[in-house]
Amino acid sequence: MIYCDHNATTPLRPEALEAMLPFLREQYGNASSVHALGSQARCAVEEARAHVAALVGAAPAEIVFTSGGTESNNLAIHGVGAPTSCRLIVTTPIEHASVRTPIAALQAEGRELRLLPVDATGRPRVDSCAGLPRHALVSVGWANNEIGTIQPIEDIAGQCRASGALVHVDAVQAVGKIPVHVRHVDLLAMSSHKIGGPKGVGALFVRRGLELRPLLLGGGQERGRRGGTENVAGIVGFGAACRLAAQELPAFAAACVGWRDALWAGLSATIAGVQRLGPDGTQCLPNTLNVRIEGVRGEALVAALDMAGVAVSSGSACAAGAGEPSHVLLALGLSHDAARDGVRFSVGRSNTDADVARIVELTAAAVQRIRDARRPERSHG
């Protein structure tokens, strides 16, 4: 199997697994316990917290460990979404479900919602965030999971901070792929399994001094911001993945750009009627390519490639099987029919140059088979 769906999840890095194993075996203490086993666990959690913080330029005390990106986004949005402090929520129509759904819940409770239209590359106008009231929360993803659009977060945040509005960023797809720094934002969500760490663990950056209402109430863990016994092994694996990501980021991004661009060059040269969706160049994640192929339904191509031994996606893994057109592609202006045709290729550390060449070959063959099957038989009359 050639895996080309790294935006959905990534293979667990061997170094992360190695770091985790002692805490799944002999060092099984609860990080809140005061004895030696507990102290070992606490030290490991704090070391991992430092690695996570360093990757995004935060202070360790500003990092809250969670169960993943979805919890991090929910904690951010609900945590500062009290009616007295947040009456207006500003976001874009291309956000992940873990952002759109909690925002919809707050809207149902009476908050005002303002959607910022995006252009054909998935970017909103920066000046649309100017002049917001102090009671506003702006929630924008650093990079889109389907089409790879990188948002001008620094410019958007600058407009927001001038008026005192809070800025929440879903950086799940950006961290570990492009440089990310928290200097301009108030809240930032991350997820371990997107960068070679284990599933079931993530983090939320919370700017020092910002009051956050916890979602989970319990024993006061994470400085009272997230109750529950820490997932020590998962946190340790996340920390190891962050340490490696920080060391390898420039080289990794460059390799991904090479594979992504070679993939696009190959597909566009061998398949007629292929269209690139979203941005290209530096406005796109280095590892992400979303295409639409004329006359080929996205789900059909994903299934055909799966049978041929290539794993790709027709959109967000969280929405797979929904049967609905991509809300991201609809926001770009595609018709409902065309928005069903997008296929996402997302390369990563497990790929090689040979993989890319093979993906092009197998995709071209799959497209030809699908098109041949759709052609009406010639009349014999």
Protein backbone atom coordinates (compact mmCIF):
# COMPACT_ATOMS: atom_id res chain seq x y z
CA MET A 1 0.00 0.00 0.00
CA ILE A 2 1.23 3.48 -0.91
CA TYR A 3 -0.08 5.83 1.76
CA CYS A 4 -0.89 9.31 0.45
CA ASP A 5 -3.43 10.47 3.05
CA HIS A 6 -1.17 12.09 5.65
CA ASN A 7 -3.65 14.91 6.32
CA ALA A 8 -6.00 12.28 7.76
CA THR A 9 -3.36 10.75 10.01
CA THR A 10 0.32 9.85 9.97
CA PRO A 11 2.22 6.68 10.85
CA LEU A 12 3.50 6.63 14.41
CA ARG A 13 7.17 7.58 14.35
CA PRO A 14 9.46 4.86 15.77
CA GLU A 15 11.12 7.41 18.05
CA ALA A 16 7.72 8.38 19.50
CA LEU A 17 6.84 4.73 20.14
CA GLU A 18 10.21 4.13 21.78
CA ALA A 19 9.68 7.10 24.08
CA MET A 20 6.21 5.83 25.02
CA LEU A 21 7.03 2.21 25.82
CA PRO A 22 8.42 2.69 29.34
CA PHE A 23 5.20 4.48 30.33
CA LEU A 24 3.13 1.60 28.99
CA ARG A 25 5.18 -0.91 30.97
CA GLU A 26 7.22 -0.29 34.11
CA GLN A 27 6.73 3.49 34.55
CA TYR A 28 2.96 3.35 34.86
CA GLY A 29 2.51 5.95 37.60
CA ASN A 30 -0.24 8.56 37.77
CA ALA A 31 1.28 11.99 37.14
CA SER A 32 -0.72 13.40 40.07
CA SER A 33 0.69 10.90 42.59
CA VAL A 34 3.42 12.08 44.95
CA HIS A 35 5.44 8.85 45.13
CA ALA A 36 8.40 7.99 42.90
CA LEU A 37 6.37 6.44 40.08
CA GLY A 38 4.09 9.48 40.03
CA SER A 39 7.05 11.85 40.04
CA GLN A 40 8.58 10.03 37.06
CA ALA A 41 5.34 10.42 35.15
CA ARG A 42 5.04 14.11 36.12
CA CYS A 43 8.58 14.82 34.96
CA ALA A 44 7.91 13.09 31.64
CA VAL A 45 4.71 15.10 31.10
CA GLU A 46 6.50 18.38 31.81
CA GLU A 47 9.38 17.50 29.50
CA ALA A 48 6.88 16.74 26.73
CA ARG A 49 5.04 20.00 27.47
CA ALA A 50 8.29 21.87 26.91
CA HIS A 51 8.80 20.18 23.51
CA VAL A 52 5.23 20.97 22.40
CA ALA A 53 5.59 24.57 23.54
CA ALA A 54 8.92 25.01 21.77
CA LEU A 55 7.50 23.87 18.44
CA VAL A 56 5.04 26.82 18.40
CA GLY A 57 6.98 29.39 20.39
CA ALA A 58 4.86 29.17 23.54
CA ALA A 59 5.76 29.02 27.21
CA PRO A 60 5.25 25.51 28.69
CA ALA A 61 2.69 26.88 31.18
CA GLU A 62 0.55 28.01 28.23
CA ILE A 63 0.11 24.44 26.92
CA VAL A 64 -2.96 22.41 27.97
CA PHE A 65 -2.94 18.73 27.03
CA THR A 66 -6.19 17.35 25.59
CA SER A 67 -7.42 14.23 23.83
CA GLY A 68 -6.80 15.72 20.37
CA GLY A 69 -7.61 18.51 17.94
CA THR A 70 -11.37 18.24 18.34
CA GLU A 71 -11.24 18.67 22.11
CA SER A 72 -8.71 21.48 21.76
CA ASN A 73 -10.97 23.39 19.38
CA ASN A 74 -14.04 22.79 21.54
CA LEU A 75 -12.18 23.86 24.68
CA ALA A 76 -11.06 27.06 22.97
CA ILE A 77 -14.45 27.99 21.50
CA HIS A 78 -16.61 27.04 24.47
CA GLY A 79 -13.95 28.08 26.97
CA VAL A 80 -14.08 31.72 25.94
CA GLY A 81 -17.60 31.67 24.53
CA ALA A 82 -19.52 32.77 27.62
CA PRO A 83 -22.36 35.16 26.68
CA THR A 84 -20.89 37.95 28.82
CA SER A 85 -17.50 37.86 27.09
CA CYS A 86 -18.30 36.65 23.57
CA ARG A 87 -21.40 37.79 21.73
CA LEU A 88 -20.03 37.70 18.17
CA ILE A 89 -18.19 34.79 16.51
CA VAL A 90 -16.38 35.39 13.23
CA THR A 91 -15.17 32.48 11.10
CA THR A 92 -14.92 31.23 7.52
CA PRO A 93 -17.09 28.69 5.68
CA ILE A 94 -14.16 26.30 5.10
CA GLU A 95 -13.37 25.39 8.71
CA HIS A 96 -13.11 21.84 10.01
CA ALA A 97 -16.15 20.23 11.63
CA SER A 98 -14.48 20.45 15.05
CA VAL A 99 -14.68 24.24 14.68
CA ARG A 100 -17.95 24.61 12.81
CA THR A 101 -19.95 22.37 15.14
CA PRO A 102 -19.13 24.05 18.48
CA ILE A 103 -19.63 27.44 16.84
CA ALA A 104 -23.06 26.29 15.63
CA ALA A 105 -23.86 25.23 19.19
CA LEU A 106 -23.00 28.71 20.49
CA GLN A 107 -25.02 30.27 17.69
CA ALA A 108 -28.01 28.18 18.80
CA GLU A 109 -27.51 29.64 22.29
CA GLY A 110 -27.84 33.15 20.90
CA ARG A 111 -24.38 34.25 19.77
CA GLU A 112 -24.19 36.22 16.56
CA LEU A 113 -22.30 34.49 13.73
CA ARG A 114 -20.48 36.27 10.93
CA LEU A 115 -19.07 34.21 8.06
CA LEU A 116 -16.20 35.71 6.06
CA PRO A 117 -16.48 34.79 2.36
CA VAL A 118 -13.38 33.24 0.81
CA ASP A 119 -11.97 33.59 -2.69
CA ALA A 120 -11.24 30.78 -5.15
CA THR A 121 -8.11 29.86 -3.16
CA GLY A 122 -9.94 29.67 0.17
CA ARG A 123 -8.68 32.97 1.63
CA PRO A 124 -10.87 35.66 3.20
CA ARG A 125 -10.14 39.36 2.83
CA VAL A 126 -7.88 40.42 5.69
CA ASP A 127 -9.65 43.77 6.11
CA SER A 128 -12.90 41.93 6.81
CA CYS A 129 -11.56 41.45 10.35
CA ALA A 130 -11.03 45.18 10.90
CA GLY A 131 -13.11 47.11 13.42
CA LEU A 132 -14.53 44.12 15.29
CA PRO A 133 -15.96 44.70 18.77
CA ARG A 134 -14.02 43.60 21.86
CA HIS A 135 -16.57 40.90 22.60
CA ALA A 136 -15.79 39.06 19.31
CA LEU A 137 -14.06 35.72 18.90
CA VAL A 138 -12.39 35.15 15.52
CA SER A 139 -11.76 31.49 14.65
CA VAL A 140 -9.71 30.76 11.52
CA GLY A 141 -7.77 27.63 10.58
CA TRP A 142 -4.06 28.20 9.92
CA ALA A 143 -4.19 25.70 7.04
CA ASN A 144 -7.14 23.95 5.45
CA ASN A 145 -7.19 20.17 5.66
CA GLU A 146 -8.80 19.60 2.24
CA ILE A 147 -7.20 22.08 -0.15
CA GLY A 148 -4.13 23.13 1.86
CA THR A 149 -4.83 26.87 1.93
CA ILE A 150 -2.47 28.68 4.31
CA GLN A 151 -4.19 31.69 5.84
CA PRO A 152 -2.43 35.03 6.50
CA ILE A 153 -2.80 34.55 10.24
CA GLU A 154 -0.41 37.32 11.21
CA ASP A 155 -2.36 39.87 9.15
CA ILE A 156 -5.77 38.63 10.33
CA ALA A 157 -4.66 38.60 13.95
CA GLY A 158 -3.21 42.09 13.61
CA GLN A 159 -6.60 43.43 12.55
CA CYS A 160 -8.30 41.58 15.41
CA ARG A 161 -5.91 42.56 18.14
CA ALA A 162 -6.18 46.24 17.16
CA SER A 163 -9.80 46.10 18.32
CA GLY A 164 -9.26 43.68 21.21
CA ALA A 165 -11.05 40.71 19.61
CA LEU A 166 -9.84 37.25 20.63
CA VAL A 167 -8.16 35.06 18.00
CA HIS A 168 -8.49 31.26 17.98
CA VAL A 169 -6.55 29.28 15.39
CA ASP A 170 -7.05 25.65 14.44
CA ALA A 171 -3.43 24.77 13.57
CA VAL A 172 -3.90 21.00 13.47
CA GLN A 173 -2.90 20.77 9.79
CA ALA A 174 -0.21 23.44 9.95
CA VAL A 175 1.95 22.40 12.90
CA GLY A 176 4.92 20.35 11.80
CA LYS A 177 4.48 21.24 8.10
CA ILE A 178 5.10 24.99 8.09
CA PRO A 179 6.48 27.40 10.69
CA VAL A 180 3.82 28.20 13.31
CA HIS A 181 4.23 30.71 16.12
CA VAL A 182 1.70 31.76 18.73
CA ARG A 183 2.93 35.35 19.06
CA HIS A 184 -0.11 36.76 17.27
CA VAL A 185 -2.94 34.58 18.63
CA ASP A 186 -4.77 33.86 21.88
CA LEU A 187 -5.66 30.19 21.42
CA LEU A 188 -4.15 27.57 19.11
CA ALA A 189 -5.11 23.91 18.68
CA MET A 190 -2.73 21.04 17.84
CA SER A 191 -3.03 17.29 17.36
CA SER A 192 -0.40 14.60 17.93
CA HIS A 193 -1.35 12.09 15.25
CA LYS A 194 -0.94 14.63 12.44
CA ILE A 195 2.83 14.84 13.05
CA GLY A 196 3.83 11.24 13.74
CA GLY A 197 2.67 11.05 17.35
CA PRO A 198 -0.02 8.75 18.79
CA LYS A 199 -3.74 9.25 18.40
CA GLY A 200 -5.81 10.37 21.36
CA VAL A 201 -3.68 13.31 22.48
CA GLY A 202 -3.43 16.96 21.49
CA ALA A 203 -2.84 20.36 23.00
CA LEU A 204 -4.30 23.83 23.23
CA PHE A 205 -2.15 26.92 23.58
CA VAL A 206 -3.85 29.40 25.92
CA ARG A 207 -2.21 32.80 26.13
CA ARG A 208 -1.05 33.59 29.65
CA GLY A 209 -3.69 35.60 31.53
CA LEU A 210 -6.63 34.51 29.35
CA GLU A 211 -9.51 33.09 31.40
CA LEU A 212 -10.68 29.74 30.08
CA ARG A 213 -13.80 27.94 31.24
CA PRO A 214 -12.98 24.19 31.36
CA LEU A 215 -15.07 21.63 29.53
CA LEU A 216 -14.02 18.78 31.83
CA LEU A 217 -14.26 19.33 35.56
CA GLY A 218 -12.41 16.98 37.85
CA GLY A 219 -9.26 16.83 39.91
CA GLY A 220 -7.78 20.12 38.76
CA GLN A 221 -5.22 18.70 36.35
CA GLU A 222 -3.63 20.97 33.73
CA ARG A 223 -3.77 23.92 36.14
CA GLY A 224 -7.52 23.51 36.48
CA ARG A 225 -8.13 23.88 32.75
CA ARG A 226 -8.76 20.23 31.90
CA GLY A 227 -9.69 17.65 34.51
CA GLY A 228 -8.76 13.99 34.20
CA THR A 229 -5.73 11.75 34.68
CA GLU A 230 -3.11 12.64 32.09
CA ASN A 231 -2.47 10.23 29.22
CA VAL A 232 1.21 10.04 30.14
CA ALA A 233 2.35 7.66 27.40
CA GLY A 234 0.43 9.56 24.72
CA ILE A 235 1.76 12.91 25.94
CA VAL A 236 5.33 11.58 25.93
CA GLY A 237 4.89 10.34 22.35
CA PHE A 238 3.44 13.70 21.32
CA GLY A 239 6.40 15.48 22.88
CA ALA A 240 8.86 13.27 21.03
CA ALA A 241 7.06 13.91 17.72
CA CYS A 242 7.15 17.68 18.35
CA ARG A 243 10.88 17.57 19.14
CA LEU A 244 11.59 15.75 15.88
CA ALA A 245 9.26 18.02 13.88
CA ALA A 246 11.11 21.11 15.11
CA GLN A 247 14.47 19.62 14.10
CA GLU A 248 13.35 18.41 10.69
CA LEU A 249 10.84 21.05 9.56
CA PRO A 250 12.82 22.82 6.78
CA ALA A 251 14.05 19.60 5.17
CA PHE A 252 10.69 17.87 5.56
CA ALA A 253 8.77 20.77 4.01
CA ALA A 254 11.18 20.93 1.08
CA ALA A 255 10.80 17.20 0.43
CA CYS A 256 7.01 17.48 0.52
CA VAL A 257 7.02 20.38 -1.93
CA GLY A 258 9.08 18.28 -4.32
CA TRP A 259 6.69 15.33 -4.09
CA ARG A 260 3.57 17.51 -4.30
CA ASP A 261 4.80 19.39 -7.35
CA ALA A 262 5.99 16.22 -9.07
CA LEU A 263 2.60 14.68 -8.43
CA TRP A 264 0.79 17.65 -9.96
CA ALA A 265 3.17 17.75 -12.94
CA GLY A 266 2.64 14.05 -13.56
CA LEU A 267 -1.14 14.11 -13.22
CA SER A 268 -1.57 17.20 -15.40
CA ALA A 269 0.71 15.74 -18.08
CA THR A 270 -0.95 12.31 -18.27
CA ILE A 271 -4.64 12.97 -17.56
CA ALA A 272 -6.87 15.19 -19.68
CA GLY A 273 -9.32 17.46 -17.88
CA VAL A 274 -7.56 17.61 -14.52
CA GLN A 275 -8.05 20.79 -12.46
CA ARG A 276 -6.13 21.87 -9.37
CA LEU A 277 -8.43 23.05 -6.59
CA GLY A 278 -7.36 25.72 -4.13
CA PRO A 279 -4.04 27.57 -4.08
CA ASP A 280 -0.61 26.63 -5.33
CA GLY A 281 2.92 27.61 -4.39
CA THR A 282 3.62 29.14 -1.00
CA GLN A 283 -0.07 29.73 -0.21
CA CYS A 284 -0.61 25.95 -0.03
CA LEU A 285 0.60 23.39 2.49
CA PRO A 286 3.77 21.80 1.12
CA ASN A 287 2.26 18.31 1.21
CA THR A 288 -1.29 18.87 -0.10
CA LEU A 289 -2.76 18.60 -3.59
CA ASN A 290 -6.50 18.58 -4.30
CA VAL A 291 -7.65 17.89 -7.85
CA ARG A 292 -10.86 17.47 -9.79
CA ILE A 293 -10.85 15.28 -12.90
CA GLU A 294 -13.52 15.85 -15.53
CA GLY A 295 -16.00 13.01 -15.76
CA VAL A 296 -14.63 11.17 -12.72
CA ARG A 297 -16.51 11.20 -9.43
CA GLY A 298 -14.15 11.69 -6.49
CA GLU A 299 -15.44 8.74 -4.49
CA ALA A 300 -15.09 6.46 -7.51
CA LEU A 301 -11.45 7.44 -7.98
CA VAL A 302 -10.68 7.00 -4.28
CA ALA A 303 -12.20 3.50 -4.38
CA ALA A 304 -10.36 2.60 -7.58
CA LEU A 305 -7.03 3.75 -6.17
CA ASP A 306 -7.68 1.85 -2.95
CA MET A 307 -8.15 -1.34 -4.97
CA ALA A 308 -4.90 -0.54 -6.78
CA GLY A 309 -3.02 -0.12 -3.49
CA VAL A 310 -3.01 3.68 -3.06
CA ALA A 311 -4.66 5.40 -0.09
CA VAL A 312 -6.01 8.90 -0.83
CA SER A 313 -9.08 10.83 0.26
CA SER A 314 -12.05 12.68 -1.20
CA GLY A 315 -12.07 15.18 1.68
CA SER A 316 -11.89 15.30 5.46
CA ALA A 317 -11.60 11.90 7.11
CA CYS A 318 -14.08 13.13 9.73
CA ALA A 319 -16.72 13.59 7.02
CA ALA A 320 -15.95 10.44 5.03
CA GLY A 321 -19.07 8.54 4.01
CA ALA A 322 -21.36 11.51 4.56
CA GLY A 323 -22.41 11.47 0.91
CA GLU A 324 -22.52 15.26 0.79
CA PRO A 325 -20.40 17.52 -1.40
CA SER A 326 -17.41 19.11 0.29
CA HIS A 327 -18.39 22.29 2.13
CA VAL A 328 -14.89 23.58 1.43
CA LEU A 329 -15.21 23.18 -2.33
CA LEU A 330 -18.70 24.68 -2.27
CA ALA A 331 -17.27 27.74 -0.52
CA LEU A 332 -14.75 28.12 -3.35
CA GLY A 333 -17.67 28.52 -5.77
CA LEU A 334 -17.89 25.01 -7.21
CA SER A 335 -21.32 23.59 -8.03
CA HIS A 336 -22.78 20.81 -5.88
CA ASP A 337 -21.95 18.33 -8.61
CA ALA A 338 -18.37 19.54 -9.12
CA ALA A 339 -17.77 19.66 -5.34
CA ARG A 340 -18.25 15.88 -5.23
CA ASP A 341 -15.27 15.33 -7.52
CA GLY A 342 -12.37 16.59 -5.42
CA VAL A 343 -9.63 14.10 -4.52
CA ARG A 344 -6.95 14.97 -1.98
CA PHE A 345 -3.41 13.66 -2.18
CA SER A 346 -1.36 14.44 0.95
CA VAL A 347 2.23 13.22 1.02
CA GLY A 348 4.37 12.67 4.08
CA ARG A 349 7.42 11.02 5.63
CA SER A 350 6.44 7.54 4.51
CA ASN A 351 6.61 8.53 0.80
CA THR A 352 9.42 8.35 -1.77
CA ASP A 353 10.05 9.62 -5.29
CA ALA A 354 9.13 6.16 -6.56
CA ASP A 355 5.81 6.36 -4.71
CA VAL A 356 4.91 9.58 -6.50
CA ALA A 357 5.70 8.15 -9.92
CA ARG A 358 3.65 5.05 -9.12
CA ILE A 359 0.70 7.15 -7.87
CA VAL A 360 0.66 9.07 -11.16
CA GLU A 361 0.74 5.84 -13.15
CA LEU A 362 -2.02 4.16 -11.13
CA THR A 363 -4.21 7.27 -11.09
CA ALA A 364 -4.00 7.66 -14.86
CA ALA A 365 -4.94 4.00 -15.30
CA ALA A 366 -7.84 4.28 -12.83
CA VAL A 367 -9.19 7.39 -14.56
CA GLN A 368 -9.05 5.64 -17.91
CA ARG A 369 -10.98 2.64 -16.55
CA ILE A 370 -13.64 4.86 -14.98
CA ARG A 371 -14.06 6.88 -18.15
CA ASP A 372 -14.22 3.77 -20.33
CA ALA A 373 -16.91 2.30 -18.10
CA ARG A 374 -19.02 5.44 -18.46
CA ARG A 375 -18.86 5.59 -22.28
CA PRO A 376 -22.04 4.26 -23.94
CA GLU A 377 -21.54 1.21 -26.10
CA ARG A 378 -21.37 1.92 -29.84
CA SER A 379 -24.49 1.12 -31.78
CA HIS A 380 -24.35 -1.99 -33.99
CA GLY A 381 -27.26 -0.82 -36.16
